[in-house]
Full PDB file with SEQRES, HELIX, SHEET, SSBOND, CRYST1, ORIGX, SCALE, CONECT and MASTER records, all heavy atoms in Angstrom:
SEQRES   1 A   35  ASP ASP ASP HIS VAL VAL LYS GLY VAL HIS ALA CYS LEU          
SEQRES   2 A   35  ASP GLU ALA ARG ALA VAL GLY LEU ASP SER VAL SER GLY          
SEQRES   3 A   35  ARG ARG PHE LEU ARG THR ALA ALA GLY                          
HELIX    1 AA1 ASP A    3  VAL A   19  1                                  17    
HELIX    2 AA2 VAL A   24  ALA A   34  1                                  11    
CRYST1    1.000    1.000    1.000  90.00  90.00  90.00 P 1           1          
ORIGX1      1.000000  0.000000  0.000000        0.00000                         
ORIGX2      0.000000  1.000000  0.000000        0.00000                         
ORIGX3      0.000000  0.000000  1.000000        0.00000                         
SCALE1      1.000000  0.000000  0.000000        0.00000                         
SCALE2      0.000000  1.000000  0.000000        0.00000                         
SCALE3      0.000000  0.000000  1.000000        0.00000                         
ATOM      1  N   ASP A   1     135.397  88.993  99.166  1.00  0.00           N  
ATOM      2  CA  ASP A   1     136.068  87.693  99.267  1.00  0.00           C  
ATOM      3  C   ASP A   1     135.153  86.547  98.870  1.00  0.00           C  
ATOM      4  O   ASP A   1     135.599  85.408  98.758  1.00  0.00           O  
ATOM      5  CB  ASP A   1     136.553  87.461 100.702  1.00  0.00           C  
ATOM      6  CG  ASP A   1     137.656  88.417 101.098  1.00  0.00           C  
ATOM      7  OD1 ASP A   1     138.373  88.913 100.202  1.00  0.00           O  
ATOM      8  OD2 ASP A   1     137.814  88.678 102.304  1.00  0.00           O  
ATOM      9  N   ASP A   2     133.878  86.845  98.671  1.00  0.00           N  
ATOM     10  CA  ASP A   2     132.882  85.816  98.370  1.00  0.00           C  
ATOM     11  C   ASP A   2     132.642  85.748  96.865  1.00  0.00           C  
ATOM     12  O   ASP A   2     132.103  86.672  96.259  1.00  0.00           O  
ATOM     13  CB  ASP A   2     131.576  86.151  99.104  1.00  0.00           C  
ATOM     14  CG  ASP A   2     130.541  85.057  99.000  1.00  0.00           C  
ATOM     15  OD1 ASP A   2     130.632  84.203  98.099  1.00  0.00           O  
ATOM     16  OD2 ASP A   2     129.612  85.059  99.836  1.00  0.00           O  
ATOM     17  N   ASP A   3     133.050  84.640  96.248  1.00  0.00           N  
ATOM     18  CA  ASP A   3     132.881  84.475  94.802  1.00  0.00           C  
ATOM     19  C   ASP A   3     131.426  84.563  94.373  1.00  0.00           C  
ATOM     20  O   ASP A   3     131.126  85.038  93.279  1.00  0.00           O  
ATOM     21  CB  ASP A   3     133.439  83.127  94.342  1.00  0.00           C  
ATOM     22  CG  ASP A   3     134.945  83.053  94.402  1.00  0.00           C  
ATOM     23  OD1 ASP A   3     135.588  84.113  94.558  1.00  0.00           O  
ATOM     24  OD2 ASP A   3     135.484  81.938  94.289  1.00  0.00           O  
ATOM     25  N   HIS A   4     130.518  84.105  95.222  1.00  0.00           N  
ATOM     26  CA  HIS A   4     129.098  84.148  94.877  1.00  0.00           C  
ATOM     27  C   HIS A   4     128.602  85.591  94.779  1.00  0.00           C  
ATOM     28  O   HIS A   4     127.788  85.915  93.913  1.00  0.00           O  
ATOM     29  CB  HIS A   4     128.269  83.363  95.890  1.00  0.00           C  
ATOM     30  CG  HIS A   4     128.559  81.906  95.864  1.00  0.00           C  
ATOM     31  ND1 HIS A   4     129.448  81.324  96.726  1.00  0.00           N  
ATOM     32  CD2 HIS A   4     128.102  80.915  95.064  1.00  0.00           C  
ATOM     33  CE1 HIS A   4     129.520  80.033  96.463  1.00  0.00           C  
ATOM     34  NE2 HIS A   4     128.715  79.764  95.449  1.00  0.00           N  
ATOM     35  N   VAL A   5     129.096  86.449  95.635  1.00  0.00           N  
ATOM     36  CA  VAL A   5     128.728  87.871  95.582  1.00  0.00           C  
ATOM     37  C   VAL A   5     129.262  88.487  94.296  1.00  0.00           C  
ATOM     38  O   VAL A   5     128.543  89.207  93.597  1.00  0.00           O  
ATOM     39  CB  VAL A   5     129.248  88.626  96.821  1.00  0.00           C  
ATOM     40  CG1 VAL A   5     129.097  90.128  96.655  1.00  0.00           C  
ATOM     41  CG2 VAL A   5     128.522  88.160  98.066  1.00  0.00           C  
ATOM     42  N   VAL A   6     130.504  88.207  93.965  1.00  0.00           N  
ATOM     43  CA  VAL A   6     131.111  88.749  92.747  1.00  0.00           C  
ATOM     44  C   VAL A   6     130.286  88.341  91.532  1.00  0.00           C  
ATOM     45  O   VAL A   6     129.901  89.179  90.704  1.00  0.00           O  
ATOM     46  CB  VAL A   6     132.571  88.280  92.595  1.00  0.00           C  
ATOM     47  CG1 VAL A   6     133.156  88.760  91.278  1.00  0.00           C  
ATOM     48  CG2 VAL A   6     133.413  88.752  93.772  1.00  0.00           C  
ATOM     49  N   LYS A   7     129.982  87.062  91.413  1.00  0.00           N  
ATOM     50  CA  LYS A   7     129.221  86.558  90.262  1.00  0.00           C  
ATOM     51  C   LYS A   7     127.791  87.092  90.258  1.00  0.00           C  
ATOM     52  O   LYS A   7     127.254  87.439  89.209  1.00  0.00           O  
ATOM     53  CB  LYS A   7     129.211  85.029  90.282  1.00  0.00           C  
ATOM     54  CG  LYS A   7     130.569  84.429  90.028  1.00  0.00           C  
ATOM     55  CD  LYS A   7     130.538  82.919  90.191  1.00  0.00           C  
ATOM     56  CE  LYS A   7     131.933  82.342  90.112  1.00  0.00           C  
ATOM     57  NZ  LYS A   7     131.946  80.904  90.360  1.00  0.00           N  
ATOM     58  N   GLY A   8     127.164  87.142  91.421  1.00  0.00           N  
ATOM     59  CA  GLY A   8     125.787  87.619  91.514  1.00  0.00           C  
ATOM     60  C   GLY A   8     125.656  89.082  91.143  1.00  0.00           C  
ATOM     61  O   GLY A   8     124.752  89.468  90.391  1.00  0.00           O  
ATOM     62  N   VAL A   9     126.556  89.905  91.654  1.00  0.00           N  
ATOM     63  CA  VAL A   9     126.519  91.336  91.331  1.00  0.00           C  
ATOM     64  C   VAL A   9     126.800  91.536  89.849  1.00  0.00           C  
ATOM     65  O   VAL A   9     126.121  92.318  89.175  1.00  0.00           O  
ATOM     66  CB  VAL A   9     127.505  92.127  92.213  1.00  0.00           C  
ATOM     67  CG1 VAL A   9     127.646  93.557  91.716  1.00  0.00           C  
ATOM     68  CG2 VAL A   9     127.050  92.110  93.659  1.00  0.00           C  
ATOM     69  N   HIS A  10     127.776  90.817  89.316  1.00  0.00           N  
ATOM     70  CA  HIS A  10     128.096  90.921  87.889  1.00  0.00           C  
ATOM     71  C   HIS A  10     126.873  90.564  87.043  1.00  0.00           C  
ATOM     72  O   HIS A  10     126.532  91.285  86.088  1.00  0.00           O  
ATOM     73  CB  HIS A  10     129.275  90.001  87.550  1.00  0.00           C  
ATOM     74  CG  HIS A  10     129.643  90.000  86.111  1.00  0.00           C  
ATOM     75  ND1 HIS A  10     130.275  91.061  85.501  1.00  0.00           N  
ATOM     76  CD2 HIS A  10     129.441  89.073  85.144  1.00  0.00           C  
ATOM     77  CE1 HIS A  10     130.448  90.775  84.218  1.00  0.00           C  
ATOM     78  NE2 HIS A  10     129.958  89.577  83.983  1.00  0.00           N  
ATOM     79  N   ALA A  11     126.184  89.491  87.391  1.00  0.00           N  
ATOM     80  CA  ALA A  11     124.991  89.075  86.646  1.00  0.00           C  
ATOM     81  C   ALA A  11     123.890  90.130  86.748  1.00  0.00           C  
ATOM     82  O   ALA A  11     123.232  90.450  85.747  1.00  0.00           O  
ATOM     83  CB  ALA A  11     124.490  87.730  87.163  1.00  0.00           C  
ATOM     84  N   CYS A  12     123.695  90.681  87.934  1.00  0.00           N  
ATOM     85  CA  CYS A  12     122.665  91.710  88.113  1.00  0.00           C  
ATOM     86  C   CYS A  12     122.977  92.957  87.288  1.00  0.00           C  
ATOM     87  O   CYS A  12     122.078  93.539  86.679  1.00  0.00           O  
ATOM     88  CB  CYS A  12     122.524  92.086  89.585  1.00  0.00           C  
ATOM     89  SG  CYS A  12     121.693  90.842  90.581  1.00  0.00           S  
ATOM     90  N   LEU A  13     124.231  93.372  87.281  1.00  0.00           N  
ATOM     91  CA  LEU A  13     124.605  94.550  86.498  1.00  0.00           C  
ATOM     92  C   LEU A  13     124.420  94.305  85.005  1.00  0.00           C  
ATOM     93  O   LEU A  13     123.923  95.170  84.283  1.00  0.00           O  
ATOM     94  CB  LEU A  13     126.044  94.964  86.808  1.00  0.00           C  
ATOM     95  CG  LEU A  13     126.320  95.430  88.236  1.00  0.00           C  
ATOM     96  CD1 LEU A  13     127.789  95.821  88.391  1.00  0.00           C  
ATOM     97  CD2 LEU A  13     125.411  96.565  88.643  1.00  0.00           C  
ATOM     98  N   ASP A  14     124.785  93.116  84.530  1.00  0.00           N  
ATOM     99  CA  ASP A  14     124.584  92.773  83.116  1.00  0.00           C  
ATOM    100  C   ASP A  14     123.105  92.798  82.751  1.00  0.00           C  
ATOM    101  O   ASP A  14     122.712  93.328  81.712  1.00  0.00           O  
ATOM    102  CB  ASP A  14     125.160  91.388  82.805  1.00  0.00           C  
ATOM    103  CG  ASP A  14     126.657  91.407  82.605  1.00  0.00           C  
ATOM    104  OD1 ASP A  14     127.250  92.507  82.538  1.00  0.00           O  
ATOM    105  OD2 ASP A  14     127.242  90.308  82.526  1.00  0.00           O  
ATOM    106  N   GLU A  15     122.280  92.208  83.602  1.00  0.00           N  
ATOM    107  CA  GLU A  15     120.845  92.174  83.330  1.00  0.00           C  
ATOM    108  C   GLU A  15     120.237  93.575  83.384  1.00  0.00           C  
ATOM    109  O   GLU A  15     119.379  93.909  82.567  1.00  0.00           O  
ATOM    110  CB  GLU A  15     120.127  91.247  84.308  1.00  0.00           C  
ATOM    111  CG  GLU A  15     120.446  89.784  84.107  1.00  0.00           C  
ATOM    112  CD  GLU A  15     120.021  89.259  82.749  1.00  0.00           C  
ATOM    113  OE1 GLU A  15     118.960  89.672  82.225  1.00  0.00           O  
ATOM    114  OE2 GLU A  15     120.763  88.441  82.175  1.00  0.00           O  
ATOM    115  N   ALA A  16     120.673  94.385  84.329  1.00  0.00           N  
ATOM    116  CA  ALA A  16     120.165  95.753  84.432  1.00  0.00           C  
ATOM    117  C   ALA A  16     120.479  96.537  83.157  1.00  0.00           C  
ATOM    118  O   ALA A  16     119.632  97.276  82.644  1.00  0.00           O  
ATOM    119  CB  ALA A  16     120.753  96.449  85.655  1.00  0.00           C  
ATOM    120  N   ARG A  17     121.690  96.361  82.658  1.00  0.00           N  
ATOM    121  CA  ARG A  17     122.061  97.043  81.402  1.00  0.00           C  
ATOM    122  C   ARG A  17     121.234  96.513  80.235  1.00  0.00           C  
ATOM    123  O   ARG A  17     120.839  97.279  79.357  1.00  0.00           O  
ATOM    124  CB  ARG A  17     123.548  96.850  81.116  1.00  0.00           C  
ATOM    125  CG  ARG A  17     124.451  97.633  82.025  1.00  0.00           C  
ATOM    126  CD  ARG A  17     125.920  97.454  81.611  1.00  0.00           C  
ATOM    127  NE  ARG A  17     126.831  97.991  82.590  1.00  0.00           N  
ATOM    128  CZ  ARG A  17     127.549  97.276  83.435  1.00  0.00           C  
ATOM    129  NH1 ARG A  17     127.491  95.949  83.421  1.00  0.00           N  
ATOM    130  NH2 ARG A  17     128.352  97.850  84.301  1.00  0.00           N  
ATOM    131  N   ALA A  18     120.974  95.222  80.217  1.00  0.00           N  
ATOM    132  CA  ALA A  18     120.245  94.606  79.097  1.00  0.00           C  
ATOM    133  C   ALA A  18     118.799  95.086  79.029  1.00  0.00           C  
ATOM    134  O   ALA A  18     118.269  95.305  77.936  1.00  0.00           O  
ATOM    135  CB  ALA A  18     120.297  93.086  79.219  1.00  0.00           C  
ATOM    136  N   VAL A  19     118.149  95.231  80.179  1.00  0.00           N  
ATOM    137  CA  VAL A  19     116.730  95.628  80.180  1.00  0.00           C  
ATOM    138  C   VAL A  19     116.554  97.136  80.265  1.00  0.00           C  
ATOM    139  O   VAL A  19     115.449  97.643  80.078  1.00  0.00           O  
ATOM    140  CB  VAL A  19     115.934  94.937  81.311  1.00  0.00           C  
ATOM    141  CG1 VAL A  19     115.965  93.428  81.145  1.00  0.00           C  
ATOM    142  CG2 VAL A  19     116.419  95.344  82.678  1.00  0.00           C  
ATOM    143  N   GLY A  20     117.626  97.845  80.556  1.00  0.00           N  
ATOM    144  CA  GLY A  20     117.557  99.301  80.679  1.00  0.00           C  
ATOM    145  C   GLY A  20     117.651  99.715  82.134  1.00  0.00           C  
ATOM    146  O   GLY A  20     116.860  99.258  82.963  1.00  0.00           O  
ATOM    147  N   LEU A  21     118.600 100.555  82.427  1.00  0.00           N  
ATOM    148  CA  LEU A  21     118.861 100.940  83.816  1.00  0.00           C  
ATOM    149  C   LEU A  21     117.705 101.708  84.443  1.00  0.00           C  
ATOM    150  O   LEU A  21     117.516 101.666  85.651  1.00  0.00           O  
ATOM    151  CB  LEU A  21     120.138 101.775  83.892  1.00  0.00           C  
ATOM    152  CG  LEU A  21     121.410 101.071  83.440  1.00  0.00           C  
ATOM    153  CD1 LEU A  21     122.568 102.048  83.419  1.00  0.00           C  
ATOM    154  CD2 LEU A  21     121.709  99.877  84.327  1.00  0.00           C  
ATOM    155  N   ASP A  22     116.920 102.397  83.625  1.00  0.00           N  
ATOM    156  CA  ASP A  22     115.810 103.187  84.149  1.00  0.00           C  
ATOM    157  C   ASP A  22     114.490 102.440  84.141  1.00  0.00           C  
ATOM    158  O   ASP A  22     113.471 102.982  84.570  1.00  0.00           O  
ATOM    159  CB  ASP A  22     115.665 104.487  83.359  1.00  0.00           C  
ATOM    160  CG  ASP A  22     116.844 105.420  83.587  1.00  0.00           C  
ATOM    161  OD1 ASP A  22     117.393 105.402  84.703  1.00  0.00           O  
ATOM    162  OD2 ASP A  22     117.206 106.151  82.654  1.00  0.00           O  
ATOM    163  N   SER A  23     114.488 101.204  83.670  1.00  0.00           N  
ATOM    164  CA  SER A  23     113.247 100.420  83.669  1.00  0.00           C  
ATOM    165  C   SER A  23     112.996  99.867  85.077  1.00  0.00           C  
ATOM    166  O   SER A  23     113.883  99.832  85.928  1.00  0.00           O  
ATOM    167  CB  SER A  23     113.349  99.266  82.670  1.00  0.00           C  
ATOM    168  OG  SER A  23     114.272  98.291  83.129  1.00  0.00           O  
ATOM    169  N   VAL A  24     111.776  99.431  85.304  1.00  0.00           N  
ATOM    170  CA  VAL A  24     111.432  98.842  86.598  1.00  0.00           C  
ATOM    171  C   VAL A  24     112.312  97.628  86.868  1.00  0.00           C  
ATOM    172  O   VAL A  24     112.864  97.482  87.959  1.00  0.00           O  
ATOM    173  CB  VAL A  24     109.931  98.458  86.641  1.00  0.00           C  
ATOM    174  CG1 VAL A  24     109.611  97.660  87.886  1.00  0.00           C  
ATOM    175  CG2 VAL A  24     109.064  99.699  86.549  1.00  0.00           C  
ATOM    176  N   SER A  25     112.473  96.783  85.878  1.00  0.00           N  
ATOM    177  CA  SER A  25     113.305  95.582  86.050  1.00  0.00           C  
ATOM    178  C   SER A  25     114.770  95.948  86.255  1.00  0.00           C  
ATOM    179  O   SER A  25     115.456  95.343  87.080  1.00  0.00           O  
ATOM    180  CB  SER A  25     113.166  94.660  84.840  1.00  0.00           C  
ATOM    181  OG  SER A  25     111.861  94.148  84.758  1.00  0.00           O  
ATOM    182  N   GLY A  26     115.250  96.925  85.523  1.00  0.00           N  
ATOM    183  CA  GLY A  26     116.640  97.354  85.673  1.00  0.00           C  
ATOM    184  C   GLY A  26     116.919  97.864  87.075  1.00  0.00           C  
ATOM    185  O   GLY A  26     117.929  97.515  87.688  1.00  0.00           O  
ATOM    186  N   ARG A  27     116.005  98.669  87.602  1.00  0.00           N  
ATOM    187  CA  ARG A  27     116.183  99.182  88.969  1.00  0.00           C  
ATOM    188  C   ARG A  27     116.111  98.048  89.990  1.00  0.00           C  
ATOM    189  O   ARG A  27     116.816  98.067  90.996  1.00  0.00           O  
ATOM    190  CB  ARG A  27     115.136 100.255  89.267  1.00  0.00           C  
ATOM    191  CG  ARG A  27     115.397 101.536  88.491  1.00  0.00           C  
ATOM    192  CD  ARG A  27     114.527 102.687  88.949  1.00  0.00           C  
ATOM    193  NE  ARG A  27     113.104 102.399  88.925  1.00  0.00           N  
ATOM    194  CZ  ARG A  27     112.290 102.650  87.904  1.00  0.00           C  
ATOM    195  NH1 ARG A  27     112.775 103.200  86.805  1.00  0.00           N  
ATOM    196  NH2 ARG A  27     111.018 102.356  87.962  1.00  0.00           N  
ATOM    197  N   ARG A  28     115.285  97.052  89.712  1.00  0.00           N  
ATOM    198  CA  ARG A  28     115.190  95.899  90.616  1.00  0.00           C  
ATOM    199  C   ARG A  28     116.507  95.124  90.639  1.00  0.00           C  
ATOM    200  O   ARG A  28     116.971  94.720  91.698  1.00  0.00           O  
ATOM    201  CB  ARG A  28     114.037  94.998  90.181  1.00  0.00           C  
ATOM    202  CG  ARG A  28     113.748  93.879  91.150  1.00  0.00           C  
ATOM    203  CD  ARG A  28     112.482  93.121  90.793  1.00  0.00           C  
ATOM    204  NE  ARG A  28     111.348  94.009  90.919  1.00  0.00           N  
ATOM    205  CZ  ARG A  28     110.352  94.075  90.021  1.00  0.00           C  
ATOM    206  NH1 ARG A  28     110.370  93.318  88.953  1.00  0.00           N  
ATOM    207  NH2 ARG A  28     109.346  94.895  90.192  1.00  0.00           N  
ATOM    208  N   PHE A  29     117.120  94.938  89.465  1.00  0.00           N  
ATOM    209  CA  PHE A  29     118.417  94.257  89.412  1.00  0.00           C  
ATOM    210  C   PHE A  29     119.477  95.047  90.177  1.00  0.00           C  
ATOM    211  O   PHE A  29     120.310  94.473  90.879  1.00  0.00           O  
ATOM    212  CB  PHE A  29     118.871  94.044  87.963  1.00  0.00           C  
ATOM    213  CG  PHE A  29     118.218  92.871  87.288  1.00  0.00           C  
ATOM    214  CD1 PHE A  29     117.428  93.055  86.164  1.00  0.00           C  
ATOM    215  CD2 PHE A  29     118.404  91.586  87.755  1.00  0.00           C  
ATOM    216  CE1 PHE A  29     116.836  91.984  85.519  1.00  0.00           C  
ATOM    217  CE2 PHE A  29     117.812  90.495  87.133  1.00  0.00           C  
ATOM    218  CZ  PHE A  29     117.027  90.698  86.018  1.00  0.00           C  
ATOM    219  N   LEU A  30     119.451  96.377  90.052  1.00  0.00           N  
ATOM    220  CA  LEU A  30     120.432  97.208  90.760  1.00  0.00           C  
ATOM    221  C   LEU A  30     120.219  97.134  92.265  1.00  0.00           C  
ATOM    222  O   LEU A  30     121.187  97.070  93.027  1.00  0.00           O  
ATOM    223  CB  LEU A  30     120.349  98.645  90.278  1.00  0.00           C  
ATOM    224  CG  LEU A  30     120.770  98.876  88.831  1.00  0.00           C  
ATOM    225  CD1 LEU A  30     120.564 100.326  88.444  1.00  0.00           C  
ATOM    226  CD2 LEU A  30     122.212  98.455  88.607  1.00  0.00           C  
ATOM    227  N   ARG A  31     118.965  97.134  92.714  1.00  0.00           N  
ATOM    228  CA  ARG A  31     118.691  96.993  94.153  1.00  0.00           C  
ATOM    229  C   ARG A  31     119.167  95.640  94.656  1.00  0.00           C  
ATOM    230  O   ARG A  31     119.695  95.528  95.770  1.00  0.00           O  
ATOM    231  CB  ARG A  31     117.201  97.165  94.441  1.00  0.00           C  
ATOM    232  CG  ARG A  31     116.753  98.593  94.485  1.00  0.00           C  
ATOM    233  CD  ARG A  31     115.381  98.743  95.083  1.00  0.00           C  
ATOM    234  NE  ARG A  31     114.366  97.874  94.491  1.00  0.00           N  
ATOM    235  CZ  ARG A  31     113.631  98.184  93.433  1.00  0.00           C  
ATOM    236  NH1 ARG A  31     113.779  99.360  92.843  1.00  0.00           N  
ATOM    237  NH2 ARG A  31     112.739  97.351  92.963  1.00  0.00           N  
ATOM    238  N   THR A  32     118.979  94.597  93.864  1.00  0.00           N  
ATOM    239  CA  THR A  32     119.429  93.262  94.252  1.00  0.00           C  
ATOM    240  C   THR A  32     120.946  93.234  94.383  1.00  0.00           C  
ATOM    241  O   THR A  32     121.484  92.676  95.340  1.00  0.00           O  
ATOM    242  CB  THR A  32     118.954  92.216  93.223  1.00  0.00           C  
ATOM    243  OG1 THR A  32     117.518  92.248  93.164  1.00  0.00           O  
ATOM    244  CG2 THR A  32     119.422  90.827  93.603  1.00  0.00           C  
ATOM    245  N   ALA A  33     121.646  93.838  93.423  1.00  0.00           N  
ATOM    246  CA  ALA A  33     123.114  93.889  93.480  1.00  0.00           C  
ATOM    247  C   ALA A  33     123.564  94.621  94.723  1.00  0.00           C  
ATOM    248  O   ALA A  33     124.465  94.146  95.448  1.00  0.00           O  
ATOM    249  CB  ALA A  33     123.662  94.566  92.226  1.00  0.00           C  
ATOM    250  N   ALA A  34     122.940  95.754  95.022  1.00  0.00           N  
ATOM    251  CA  ALA A  34     123.316  96.526  96.211  1.00  0.00           C  
ATOM    252  C   ALA A  34     123.027  95.722  97.475  1.00  0.00           C  
ATOM    253  O   ALA A  34     123.806  95.753  98.425  1.00  0.00           O  
ATOM    254  CB  ALA A  34     122.563  97.855  96.229  1.00  0.00           C  
ATOM    255  N   GLY A  35     121.934  94.994  97.482  1.00  0.00           N  
ATOM    256  CA  GLY A  35     121.589  94.174  98.647  1.00  0.00           C  
ATOM    257  C   GLY A  35     122.579  93.046  98.882  1.00  0.00           C  
ATOM    258  O   GLY A  35     122.889  92.709 100.020  1.00  0.00           O  
TER     259      GLY A  35                                                      
MASTER        0    0    0    2    0    0    0    6  258    1    0    3          
END                                                                             
């Protein structure tokens, strides 16, 4: 129900895909989205 969560998770997933899901930065973005 929180628009900020929707936008934040979407941004994190986009960035994770851009840098590579298996990279250190990609995994950090995924952890942030999950958090």
